[in-house]
Structure formats: C-alpha cells, structure tokens
C-alpha cells in the first residue's frame, strides 16, 4: 500500500467514525477520553491516533477495525 493510499484510507475511516457518532466530534472526544481539540486535530491531519483507534474499534456503532483506521501501524501492542 502506498503512502497516498494509506492517507486516503485514514481519511475515509475518519468519515465513517464521524457518521457513527452522528457527526458529533464532541462525542468522539468523550468516548476516546481526549480533549475536543485532539479530535479536531485528527480531522485536520487526516488520521485518528493509534490508541484511540483501539478504543473506537470497541464502540458498538463503529463499523471498521483499528487496522482499517490506521493501516500504517505495523504491530498493535497490548491488545
């Protein structure tokens, strides 16, 4: 997978997450236990943090895996 393909997949994953939380970045921040500014930074840079990808994967409404959210992560430790 090229860098451009990885970036596109990460942006697509953010869109899916946003829809799962009914377009509410504040709720995403609460669920991931991060500040709202952190979530805004994810959308600005185009990817969710790896730690939050693990948390988001466990949410009942999220329909994608942590690997789909962060295809650039080679190994998932502590999971």
N, C-alpha and C. Protein backbone atom coordinates (compact mmCIF):
# COMPACT_ATOMS: atom_id res chain seq x y z
N UNK A 1 0.85 -1.17 0.00
CA UNK A 1 0.00 0.00 0.00
C UNK A 1 0.89 1.24 0.00
N UNK A 2 0.64 2.15 -0.91
CA UNK A 2 1.44 3.37 -0.99
C UNK A 2 1.04 4.36 0.10
N UNK A 3 1.88 5.35 0.31
CA UNK A 3 1.57 6.39 1.31
C UNK A 3 0.27 7.11 0.98
N UNK A 4 0.05 7.37 -0.29
CA UNK A 4 -1.16 8.07 -0.71
C UNK A 4 -2.40 7.20 -0.43
N UNK A 5 -2.30 5.91 -0.68
CA UNK A 5 -3.42 5.00 -0.41
C UNK A 5 -3.70 4.92 1.09
N UNK A 6 -2.65 4.91 1.89
CA UNK A 6 -2.80 4.89 3.34
C UNK A 6 -3.51 6.16 3.81
N UNK A 7 -3.08 7.30 3.30
CA UNK A 7 -3.71 8.57 3.68
C UNK A 7 -5.18 8.60 3.30
N UNK A 8 -5.50 8.12 2.12
CA UNK A 8 -6.90 8.10 1.68
C UNK A 8 -7.74 7.17 2.55
N UNK A 9 -7.19 6.02 2.93
CA UNK A 9 -7.93 5.09 3.78
C UNK A 9 -8.15 5.69 5.17
N UNK A 10 -7.15 6.39 5.69
CA UNK A 10 -7.29 7.01 7.00
C UNK A 10 -8.36 8.11 6.98
N UNK A 11 -8.40 8.89 5.92
CA UNK A 11 -9.42 9.93 5.80
C UNK A 11 -10.81 9.32 5.68
N UNK A 12 -10.91 8.25 4.91
CA UNK A 12 -12.19 7.56 4.76
C UNK A 12 -12.66 7.01 6.11
N UNK A 13 -11.72 6.46 6.88
CA UNK A 13 -12.05 5.92 8.21
C UNK A 13 -12.58 7.02 9.13
N UNK A 14 -11.96 8.19 9.07
CA UNK A 14 -12.46 9.31 9.89
C UNK A 14 -13.89 9.67 9.52
N UNK A 15 -14.19 9.64 8.25
CA UNK A 15 -15.55 9.93 7.81
C UNK A 15 -16.54 8.92 8.34
N UNK A 16 -16.15 7.65 8.35
CA UNK A 16 -17.02 6.60 8.87
C UNK A 16 -17.23 6.78 10.37
N UNK A 17 -16.16 7.07 11.08
CA UNK A 17 -16.26 7.31 12.53
C UNK A 17 -17.19 8.48 12.80
N UNK A 18 -17.01 9.54 12.05
CA UNK A 18 -17.83 10.74 12.24
C UNK A 18 -19.30 10.43 12.04
N UNK A 19 -19.63 9.63 11.04
CA UNK A 19 -21.02 9.23 10.81
C UNK A 19 -21.53 8.35 11.95
N UNK A 20 -20.69 7.44 12.45
CA UNK A 20 -21.10 6.55 13.54
C UNK A 20 -21.45 7.34 14.80
N UNK A 21 -20.82 8.49 14.98
CA UNK A 21 -21.09 9.35 16.14
C UNK A 21 -22.05 10.48 15.77
N UNK A 22 -22.80 10.28 14.69
CA UNK A 22 -23.81 11.24 14.24
C UNK A 22 -23.24 12.65 14.07
N UNK A 23 -22.04 12.72 13.45
CA UNK A 23 -21.38 13.97 13.09
C UNK A 23 -21.09 14.86 14.31
N UNK A 24 -20.74 14.23 15.43
CA UNK A 24 -20.52 14.96 16.67
C UNK A 24 -19.10 14.68 17.18
N UNK A 25 -18.19 15.60 16.91
CA UNK A 25 -16.80 15.43 17.33
C UNK A 25 -16.66 15.48 18.85
N UNK A 26 -17.55 16.19 19.52
CA UNK A 26 -17.51 16.24 20.98
C UNK A 26 -17.76 14.86 21.56
N UNK A 27 -18.70 14.13 21.00
CA UNK A 27 -18.98 12.77 21.48
C UNK A 27 -17.81 11.82 21.20
N UNK A 28 -17.15 12.00 20.07
CA UNK A 28 -15.96 11.19 19.78
C UNK A 28 -14.91 11.44 20.85
N UNK A 29 -14.70 12.71 21.18
CA UNK A 29 -13.70 13.06 22.20
C UNK A 29 -14.04 12.46 23.55
N UNK A 30 -15.30 12.54 23.93
CA UNK A 30 -15.72 11.96 25.21
C UNK A 30 -15.49 10.46 25.23
N UNK A 31 -15.87 9.78 24.16
CA UNK A 31 -15.72 8.33 24.12
C UNK A 31 -14.24 7.92 24.19
N UNK A 32 -13.40 8.66 23.51
CA UNK A 32 -11.97 8.32 23.47
C UNK A 32 -11.19 8.88 24.66
N UNK A 33 -11.88 9.65 25.50
CA UNK A 33 -11.27 10.27 26.68
C UNK A 33 -10.10 11.17 26.29
N UNK A 34 -10.35 12.00 25.27
CA UNK A 34 -9.38 13.00 24.84
C UNK A 34 -10.08 14.35 24.78
N UNK A 35 -9.31 15.40 24.65
CA UNK A 35 -9.89 16.73 24.53
C UNK A 35 -10.51 16.89 23.14
N UNK A 36 -11.50 17.74 23.07
CA UNK A 36 -12.17 18.00 21.80
C UNK A 36 -11.17 18.52 20.76
N UNK A 37 -10.21 19.30 21.19
CA UNK A 37 -9.18 19.83 20.28
C UNK A 37 -8.40 18.70 19.63
N UNK A 38 -8.19 17.62 20.36
CA UNK A 38 -7.47 16.47 19.83
C UNK A 38 -8.20 15.88 18.65
N UNK A 39 -9.51 15.76 18.77
CA UNK A 39 -10.32 15.21 17.68
C UNK A 39 -10.28 16.15 16.48
N UNK A 40 -10.34 17.45 16.72
CA UNK A 40 -10.22 18.41 15.62
C UNK A 40 -8.88 18.25 14.91
N UNK A 41 -7.83 17.99 15.66
CA UNK A 41 -6.52 17.77 15.05
C UNK A 41 -6.49 16.50 14.20
N UNK A 42 -7.20 15.46 14.64
CA UNK A 42 -7.28 14.24 13.82
C UNK A 42 -7.86 14.57 12.46
N UNK A 43 -8.93 15.34 12.45
CA UNK A 43 -9.58 15.68 11.18
C UNK A 43 -8.70 16.61 10.35
N UNK A 44 -7.96 17.45 11.01
CA UNK A 44 -7.07 18.37 10.28
C UNK A 44 -5.91 17.61 9.64
N UNK A 45 -5.34 16.67 10.37
CA UNK A 45 -4.19 15.95 9.82
C UNK A 45 -4.61 14.72 9.02
N UNK A 46 -5.86 14.27 9.23
CA UNK A 46 -6.38 13.18 8.41
C UNK A 46 -6.25 11.80 8.97
N UNK A 47 -6.02 11.68 10.29
CA UNK A 47 -5.96 10.34 10.88
C UNK A 47 -6.20 10.40 12.38
N UNK A 48 -6.77 9.33 12.87
CA UNK A 48 -7.03 9.17 14.30
C UNK A 48 -5.76 8.62 14.95
N UNK A 49 -5.56 8.87 16.23
CA UNK A 49 -4.39 8.30 16.91
C UNK A 49 -4.55 6.79 17.03
N UNK A 50 -3.45 6.09 17.10
CA UNK A 50 -3.48 4.63 17.18
C UNK A 50 -4.18 4.18 18.47
N UNK A 51 -3.92 4.85 19.57
CA UNK A 51 -4.55 4.48 20.85
C UNK A 51 -6.07 4.65 20.76
N UNK A 52 -6.50 5.74 20.18
CA UNK A 52 -7.94 5.96 20.05
C UNK A 52 -8.56 5.02 19.03
N UNK A 53 -7.81 4.58 18.04
CA UNK A 53 -8.33 3.60 17.09
C UNK A 53 -8.70 2.31 17.82
N UNK A 54 -7.90 1.93 18.80
CA UNK A 54 -8.20 0.74 19.61
C UNK A 54 -9.51 0.94 20.35
N UNK A 55 -9.66 2.11 20.98
CA UNK A 55 -10.89 2.39 21.73
C UNK A 55 -12.10 2.44 20.80
N UNK A 56 -11.95 3.13 19.68
CA UNK A 56 -13.07 3.30 18.75
C UNK A 56 -13.54 1.97 18.18
N UNK A 57 -12.62 1.06 17.96
CA UNK A 57 -12.99 -0.26 17.42
C UNK A 57 -13.99 -0.97 18.34
N UNK A 58 -13.92 -0.69 19.63
CA UNK A 58 -14.78 -1.35 20.61
C UNK A 58 -16.17 -0.72 20.71
N UNK A 59 -16.36 0.46 20.12
CA UNK A 59 -17.66 1.13 20.18
C UNK A 59 -18.68 0.35 19.36
N UNK A 60 -19.87 0.18 19.90
CA UNK A 60 -20.89 -0.65 19.26
C UNK A 60 -21.34 -0.16 17.88
N UNK A 61 -21.25 1.14 17.63
CA UNK A 61 -21.71 1.69 16.36
C UNK A 61 -20.61 1.80 15.30
N UNK A 62 -19.36 1.65 15.69
CA UNK A 62 -18.25 1.79 14.75
C UNK A 62 -18.12 0.50 13.94
N UNK A 63 -18.11 0.66 12.64
CA UNK A 63 -18.18 -0.50 11.74
C UNK A 63 -16.86 -0.84 11.07
N UNK A 64 -15.77 -0.24 11.52
CA UNK A 64 -14.47 -0.54 10.94
C UNK A 64 -13.49 -0.94 12.03
N UNK A 65 -12.41 -1.58 11.63
CA UNK A 65 -11.41 -2.06 12.59
C UNK A 65 -10.30 -1.04 12.78
N UNK A 66 -9.52 -1.26 13.81
CA UNK A 66 -8.38 -0.38 14.07
C UNK A 66 -7.38 -0.46 12.92
N UNK A 67 -7.27 -1.63 12.29
CA UNK A 67 -6.36 -1.79 11.16
C UNK A 67 -6.83 -0.97 9.95
N UNK A 68 -8.13 -0.83 9.80
CA UNK A 68 -8.66 0.00 8.71
C UNK A 68 -8.50 1.48 9.02
N UNK A 69 -8.57 1.83 10.31
CA UNK A 69 -8.39 3.22 10.71
C UNK A 69 -6.93 3.65 10.56
N UNK A 70 -6.03 2.72 10.90
CA UNK A 70 -4.60 3.03 10.88
C UNK A 70 -3.81 1.93 10.18
N UNK A 71 -3.90 1.86 8.85
CA UNK A 71 -3.18 0.82 8.12
C UNK A 71 -1.66 1.00 8.18
N UNK A 72 -1.20 2.14 8.64
CA UNK A 72 0.24 2.38 8.76
C UNK A 72 0.85 1.77 10.01
N UNK A 73 0.04 1.35 10.97
CA UNK A 73 0.56 0.74 12.20
C UNK A 73 0.90 -0.72 11.90
N UNK A 74 2.15 -1.09 12.12
CA UNK A 74 2.63 -2.44 11.77
C UNK A 74 2.27 -3.48 12.82
N UNK A 75 2.39 -3.10 14.10
CA UNK A 75 2.08 -4.04 15.19
C UNK A 75 1.27 -3.32 16.26
N UNK A 76 0.28 -4.03 16.78
CA UNK A 76 -0.58 -3.49 17.83
C UNK A 76 -0.20 -4.14 19.15
N UNK A 77 0.48 -3.40 20.01
CA UNK A 77 0.94 -3.92 21.30
C UNK A 77 -0.12 -3.71 22.36
N UNK A 78 -0.21 -4.64 23.28
CA UNK A 78 -1.12 -4.52 24.42
C UNK A 78 -2.56 -4.72 24.10
N UNK A 79 -2.83 -5.34 22.95
CA UNK A 79 -4.22 -5.53 22.55
C UNK A 79 -4.52 -7.02 22.50
